[in-house]
Amino acid sequence: MKILSLISASILCASVSVVTTADGHGKGYPFKNEIQARMNVMNLYGYYLGELGAMAKGQSPYDADAATRAANNLLAMAKLDNTTMWPQGSDNSVPALDNKTRAKPEAWTTYPEIVDKHKALITAATTMAAEAGNGLDAVRANIGAVGQSCKGCHEAFRGPKLKGHSH
């Protein structure tokens, strides 16, 4: 009986946890985990692109292994299935999310346009990953396409910088 009570208590706690996570209550604001996760992904994109960009601009020496690693990591991030990080209603038009996200409602209202933009990132990152280890000229030749694919989403689907945030 004691074990049954413990199991029931565990199930109840898990159920409450699922409910509070799904509707955003108890996390500070709706979709906090999802928004933080996608911001972390964006920061990683920036990190790896920054490594490649520094090489392309001559701000750091070209290193084939480092370039390949950065490009492969960028590609891995681009291929990450992050659909659960983008629930509808987690955009900057939602009053409860004021100053929490830069995502514009157009990411959802113009769907599937964002999917096409993301495919452009995957294509550019795939090419970069294949070429990054082949010399500085290869990085320089491909960095623009990666940057343009990022810009394509950012211009259409990202609002102004958040107050008090560095990203």
C-alpha atoms as a PDB file:
ATOM      1  CA  MET A   1       0.000   0.000   0.000  1.00  0.00           C
ATOM      2  CA  LYS A   2       2.847   2.327   0.868  1.00  0.00           C
ATOM      3  CA  ILE A   3       4.449   1.709  -2.547  1.00  0.00           C
ATOM      4  CA  LEU A   4       1.102   2.318  -4.255  1.00  0.00           C
ATOM      5  CA  SER A   5       0.766   5.652  -2.417  1.00  0.00           C
ATOM      6  CA  LEU A   6       4.281   6.651  -3.479  1.00  0.00           C
ATOM      7  CA  ILE A   7       3.526   5.759  -7.088  1.00  0.00           C
ATOM      8  CA  SER A   8       0.271   7.721  -6.969  1.00  0.00           C
ATOM      9  CA  ALA A   9       2.058  10.721  -5.440  1.00  0.00           C
ATOM     10  CA  SER A  10       4.745  10.528  -8.141  1.00  0.00           C
ATOM     11  CA  ILE A  11       2.149  10.399 -10.907  1.00  0.00           C
ATOM     12  CA  LEU A  12       0.308  13.352  -9.379  1.00  0.00           C
ATOM     13  CA  CYS A  13       3.530  15.398  -9.163  1.00  0.00           C
ATOM     14  CA  ALA A  14       4.424  14.517 -12.749  1.00  0.00           C
ATOM     15  CA  SER A  15       0.924  15.468 -13.921  1.00  0.00           C
ATOM     16  CA  VAL A  16       1.054  18.814 -12.145  1.00  0.00           C
ATOM     17  CA  SER A  17       4.513  19.413 -13.587  1.00  0.00           C
ATOM     18  CA  VAL A  18       3.297  18.686 -17.121  1.00  0.00           C
ATOM     19  CA  VAL A  19       0.290  20.976 -16.712  1.00  0.00           C
ATOM     20  CA  THR A  20       2.344  23.872 -15.348  1.00  0.00           C
ATOM     21  CA  THR A  21       4.942  23.456 -18.052  1.00  0.00           C
ATOM     22  CA  ALA A  22       2.442  23.220 -20.887  1.00  0.00           C
ATOM     23  CA  ASP A  23       0.526  26.388 -20.027  1.00  0.00           C
ATOM     24  CA  GLY A  24       3.523  28.385 -18.863  1.00  0.00           C
ATOM     25  CA  HIS A  25       2.374  28.964 -15.291  1.00  0.00           C
ATOM     26  CA  GLY A  26       4.956  28.694 -12.585  1.00  0.00           C
ATOM     27  CA  LYS A  27       7.827  29.529 -14.946  1.00  0.00           C
ATOM     28  CA  GLY A  28       7.780  33.318 -14.626  1.00  0.00           C
ATOM     29  CA  TYR A  29       6.062  33.980 -17.946  1.00  0.00           C
ATOM     30  CA  PRO A  30       4.413  31.872 -20.678  1.00  0.00           C
ATOM     31  CA  PHE A  31       6.779  29.814 -22.814  1.00  0.00           C
ATOM     32  CA  LYS A  32       9.845  30.762 -20.743  1.00  0.00           C
ATOM     33  CA  ASN A  33      11.643  27.459 -21.388  1.00  0.00           C
ATOM     34  CA  GLU A  34      10.880  27.519 -25.097  1.00  0.00           C
ATOM     35  CA  ILE A  35      11.986  31.131 -25.525  1.00  0.00           C
ATOM     36  CA  GLN A  36      15.176  30.569 -23.544  1.00  0.00           C
ATOM     37  CA  ALA A  37      15.947  27.436 -25.557  1.00  0.00           C
ATOM     38  CA  ARG A  38      15.586  29.197 -28.908  1.00  0.00           C
ATOM     39  CA  MET A  39      17.670  32.144 -27.678  1.00  0.00           C
ATOM     40  CA  ASN A  40      20.361  29.657 -26.693  1.00  0.00           C
ATOM     41  CA  VAL A  41      20.250  28.139 -30.177  1.00  0.00           C
ATOM     42  CA  MET A  42      20.583  31.614 -31.716  1.00  0.00           C
ATOM     43  CA  ASN A  43      23.543  32.347 -29.449  1.00  0.00           C
ATOM     44  CA  LEU A  44      25.226  29.141 -30.623  1.00  0.00           C
ATOM     45  CA  TYR A  45      24.599  30.087 -34.262  1.00  0.00           C
ATOM     46  CA  GLY A  46      26.266  33.400 -33.507  1.00  0.00           C
ATOM     47  CA  TYR A  47      29.172  31.762 -31.738  1.00  0.00           C
ATOM     48  CA  TYR A  48      30.047  29.390 -34.574  1.00  0.00           C
ATOM     49  CA  LEU A  49      29.402  31.972 -37.261  1.00  0.00           C
ATOM     50  CA  GLY A  50      31.569  34.369 -35.266  1.00  0.00           C
ATOM     51  CA  GLU A  51      34.483  31.913 -35.313  1.00  0.00           C
ATOM     52  CA  LEU A  52      34.185  31.555 -39.075  1.00  0.00           C
ATOM     53  CA  GLY A  53      33.652  35.279 -39.567  1.00  0.00           C
ATOM     54  CA  ALA A  54      36.744  36.147 -37.538  1.00  0.00           C
ATOM     55  CA  MET A  55      38.808  33.903 -39.799  1.00  0.00           C
ATOM     56  CA  ALA A  56      37.200  35.329 -42.935  1.00  0.00           C
ATOM     57  CA  LYS A  57      37.928  38.899 -41.794  1.00  0.00           C
ATOM     58  CA  GLY A  58      41.507  38.125 -40.769  1.00  0.00           C
ATOM     59  CA  GLN A  59      40.746  38.790 -37.097  1.00  0.00           C
ATOM     60  CA  SER A  60      41.949  35.316 -36.202  1.00  0.00           C
ATOM     61  CA  PRO A  61      44.277  33.023 -38.108  1.00  0.00           C
ATOM     62  CA  TYR A  62      42.712  30.474 -40.428  1.00  0.00           C
ATOM     63  CA  ASP A  63      42.821  26.976 -38.970  1.00  0.00           C
ATOM     64  CA  ALA A  64      41.356  24.185 -41.091  1.00  0.00           C
ATOM     65  CA  ASP A  65      40.397  22.026 -38.111  1.00  0.00           C
ATOM     66  CA  ALA A  66      38.805  24.921 -36.213  1.00  0.00           C
ATOM     67  CA  ALA A  67      36.952  26.090 -39.333  1.00  0.00           C
ATOM     68  CA  THR A  68      35.663  22.599 -40.031  1.00  0.00           C
ATOM     69  CA  ARG A  69      34.591  22.129 -36.428  1.00  0.00           C
ATOM     70  CA  ALA A  70      32.770  25.479 -36.340  1.00  0.00           C
ATOM     71  CA  ALA A  71      31.079  24.809 -39.679  1.00  0.00           C
ATOM     72  CA  ASN A  72      30.029  21.301 -38.657  1.00  0.00           C
ATOM     73  CA  ASN A  73      28.631  22.606 -35.377  1.00  0.00           C
ATOM     74  CA  LEU A  74      26.768  25.360 -37.204  1.00  0.00           C
ATOM     75  CA  LEU A  75      25.288  22.744 -39.524  1.00  0.00           C
ATOM     76  CA  ALA A  76      24.338  20.510 -36.591  1.00  0.00           C
ATOM     77  CA  MET A  77      22.537  23.435 -34.963  1.00  0.00           C
ATOM     78  CA  ALA A  78      20.760  24.257 -38.235  1.00  0.00           C
ATOM     79  CA  LYS A  79      19.575  20.652 -38.546  1.00  0.00           C
ATOM     80  CA  LEU A  80      18.355  20.535 -34.955  1.00  0.00           C
ATOM     81  CA  ASP A  81      14.628  19.858 -34.789  1.00  0.00           C
ATOM     82  CA  ASN A  82      13.622  22.854 -32.729  1.00  0.00           C
ATOM     83  CA  THR A  83       9.924  22.910 -33.569  1.00  0.00           C
ATOM     84  CA  THR A  84       8.917  22.595 -29.911  1.00  0.00           C
ATOM     85  CA  MET A  85      10.836  25.815 -29.181  1.00  0.00           C
ATOM     86  CA  TRP A  86       8.446  27.799 -31.373  1.00  0.00           C
ATOM     87  CA  PRO A  87       4.900  27.336 -30.015  1.00  0.00           C
ATOM     88  CA  GLN A  88       2.270  29.624 -31.472  1.00  0.00           C
ATOM     89  CA  GLY A  89       1.629  32.550 -29.149  1.00  0.00           C
ATOM     90  CA  SER A  90       5.267  32.889 -28.078  1.00  0.00           C
ATOM     91  CA  ASP A  91       5.887  36.088 -30.023  1.00  0.00           C
ATOM     92  CA  ASN A  92       6.542  39.708 -29.134  1.00  0.00           C
ATOM     93  CA  SER A  93       2.915  40.764 -29.712  1.00  0.00           C
ATOM     94  CA  VAL A  94       1.796  38.876 -26.614  1.00  0.00           C
ATOM     95  CA  PRO A  95       1.594  41.345 -23.690  1.00  0.00           C
ATOM     96  CA  ALA A  96       2.850  38.794 -21.148  1.00  0.00           C
ATOM     97  CA  LEU A  97       5.990  38.361 -23.280  1.00  0.00           C
ATOM     98  CA  ASP A  98       6.870  42.050 -23.460  1.00  0.00           C
ATOM     99  CA  ASN A  99      10.671  42.312 -23.522  1.00  0.00           C
ATOM    100  CA  LYS A 100      11.099  38.513 -23.428  1.00  0.00           C
ATOM    101  CA  THR A 101      11.317  37.610 -27.117  1.00  0.00           C
ATOM    102  CA  ARG A 102      12.152  39.254 -30.410  1.00  0.00           C
ATOM    103  CA  ALA A 103      10.100  36.757 -32.415  1.00  0.00           C
ATOM    104  CA  LYS A 104       7.452  38.525 -34.487  1.00  0.00           C
ATOM    105  CA  PRO A 105       4.001  37.038 -35.061  1.00  0.00           C
ATOM    106  CA  GLU A 106       4.841  36.817 -38.783  1.00  0.00           C
ATOM    107  CA  ALA A 107       6.874  33.699 -37.979  1.00  0.00           C
ATOM    108  CA  TRP A 108       3.498  31.975 -37.573  1.00  0.00           C
ATOM    109  CA  THR A 109       1.130  34.082 -39.668  1.00  0.00           C
ATOM    110  CA  THR A 110       3.173  33.696 -42.860  1.00  0.00           C
ATOM    111  CA  TYR A 111       3.963  30.027 -42.311  1.00  0.00           C
ATOM    112  CA  PRO A 112       5.521  28.161 -44.143  1.00  0.00           C
ATOM    113  CA  GLU A 113       7.717  31.076 -45.288  1.00  0.00           C
ATOM    114  CA  ILE A 114       9.922  30.622 -42.209  1.00  0.00           C
ATOM    115  CA  VAL A 115      10.487  26.975 -43.170  1.00  0.00           C
ATOM    116  CA  ASP A 116      11.842  28.055 -46.557  1.00  0.00           C
ATOM    117  CA  LYS A 117      14.148  30.572 -44.880  1.00  0.00           C
ATOM    118  CA  HIS A 118      15.387  27.863 -42.528  1.00  0.00           C
ATOM    119  CA  LYS A 119      16.030  25.541 -45.479  1.00  0.00           C
ATOM    120  CA  ALA A 120      18.264  28.279 -46.930  1.00  0.00           C
ATOM    121  CA  LEU A 121      20.290  28.227 -43.695  1.00  0.00           C
ATOM    122  CA  ILE A 122      20.669  24.454 -43.874  1.00  0.00           C
ATOM    123  CA  THR A 123      21.777  24.670 -47.516  1.00  0.00           C
ATOM    124  CA  ALA A 124      24.334  27.399 -46.791  1.00  0.00           C
ATOM    125  CA  ALA A 125      25.597  25.648 -43.653  1.00  0.00           C
ATOM    126  CA  THR A 126      25.909  22.353 -45.558  1.00  0.00           C
ATOM    127  CA  THR A 127      28.077  24.006 -48.182  1.00  0.00           C
ATOM    128  CA  MET A 128      30.145  25.769 -45.532  1.00  0.00           C
ATOM    129  CA  ALA A 129      30.686  22.497 -43.648  1.00  0.00           C
ATOM    130  CA  ALA A 130      31.863  20.793 -46.836  1.00  0.00           C
ATOM    131  CA  GLU A 131      34.234  23.638 -47.752  1.00  0.00           C
ATOM    132  CA  ALA A 132      35.488  25.210 -44.502  1.00  0.00           C
ATOM    133  CA  GLY A 133      38.508  22.931 -44.213  1.00  0.00           C
ATOM    134  CA  ASN A 134      39.666  23.700 -47.760  1.00  0.00           C
ATOM    135  CA  GLY A 135      41.332  27.021 -46.988  1.00  0.00           C
ATOM    136  CA  LEU A 136      40.593  30.605 -46.064  1.00  0.00           C
ATOM    137  CA  ASP A 137      39.296  31.390 -49.532  1.00  0.00           C
ATOM    138  CA  ALA A 138      36.681  28.646 -49.138  1.00  0.00           C
ATOM    139  CA  VAL A 139      35.484  30.148 -45.846  1.00  0.00           C
ATOM    140  CA  ARG A 140      35.371  33.610 -47.377  1.00  0.00           C
ATOM    141  CA  ALA A 141      33.503  32.312 -50.427  1.00  0.00           C
ATOM    142  CA  ASN A 142      30.770  30.742 -48.312  1.00  0.00           C
ATOM    143  CA  ILE A 143      30.380  33.005 -45.290  1.00  0.00           C
ATOM    144  CA  GLY A 144      28.170  35.466 -47.174  1.00  0.00           C
ATOM    145  CA  ALA A 145      25.563  32.842 -48.029  1.00  0.00           C
ATOM    146  CA  VAL A 146      25.359  31.754 -44.398  1.00  0.00           C
ATOM    147  CA  GLY A 147      25.023  35.355 -43.250  1.00  0.00           C
ATOM    148  CA  GLN A 148      22.360  36.074 -45.862  1.00  0.00           C
ATOM    149  CA  SER A 149      20.344  33.062 -44.752  1.00  0.00           C
ATOM    150  CA  CYS A 150      20.443  34.332 -41.159  1.00  0.00           C
ATOM    151  CA  LYS A 151      19.501  37.819 -42.318  1.00  0.00           C
ATOM    152  CA  GLY A 152      16.543  36.425 -44.294  1.00  0.00           C
ATOM    153  CA  CYS A 153      14.871  35.218 -41.109  1.00  0.00           C
ATOM    154  CA  HIS A 154      16.001  38.086 -38.929  1.00  0.00           C
ATOM    155  CA  GLU A 155      14.626  40.782 -41.201  1.00  0.00           C
ATOM    156  CA  ALA A 156      11.256  39.127 -41.617  1.00  0.00           C
ATOM    157  CA  PHE A 157      10.710  37.468 -38.270  1.00  0.00           C
ATOM    158  CA  ARG A 158      12.744  39.279 -35.600  1.00  0.00           C
ATOM    159  CA  GLY A 159      11.859  42.495 -33.852  1.00  0.00           C
ATOM    160  CA  PRO A 160      14.127  45.135 -32.305  1.00  0.00           C
ATOM    161  CA  LYS A 161      16.636  44.392 -29.552  1.00  0.00           C
ATOM    162  CA  LEU A 162      15.150  43.712 -26.170  1.00  0.00           C
ATOM    163  CA  LYS A 163      15.532  46.325 -23.466  1.00  0.00           C
ATOM    164  CA  GLY A 164      18.341  45.374 -21.105  1.00  0.00           C
ATOM    165  CA  HIS A 165      19.446  42.349 -23.167  1.00  0.00           C
ATOM    166  CA  SER A 166      22.671  41.967 -25.103  1.00  0.00           C
ATOM    167  CA  HIS A 167      21.119  39.812 -27.885  1.00  0.00           C
END
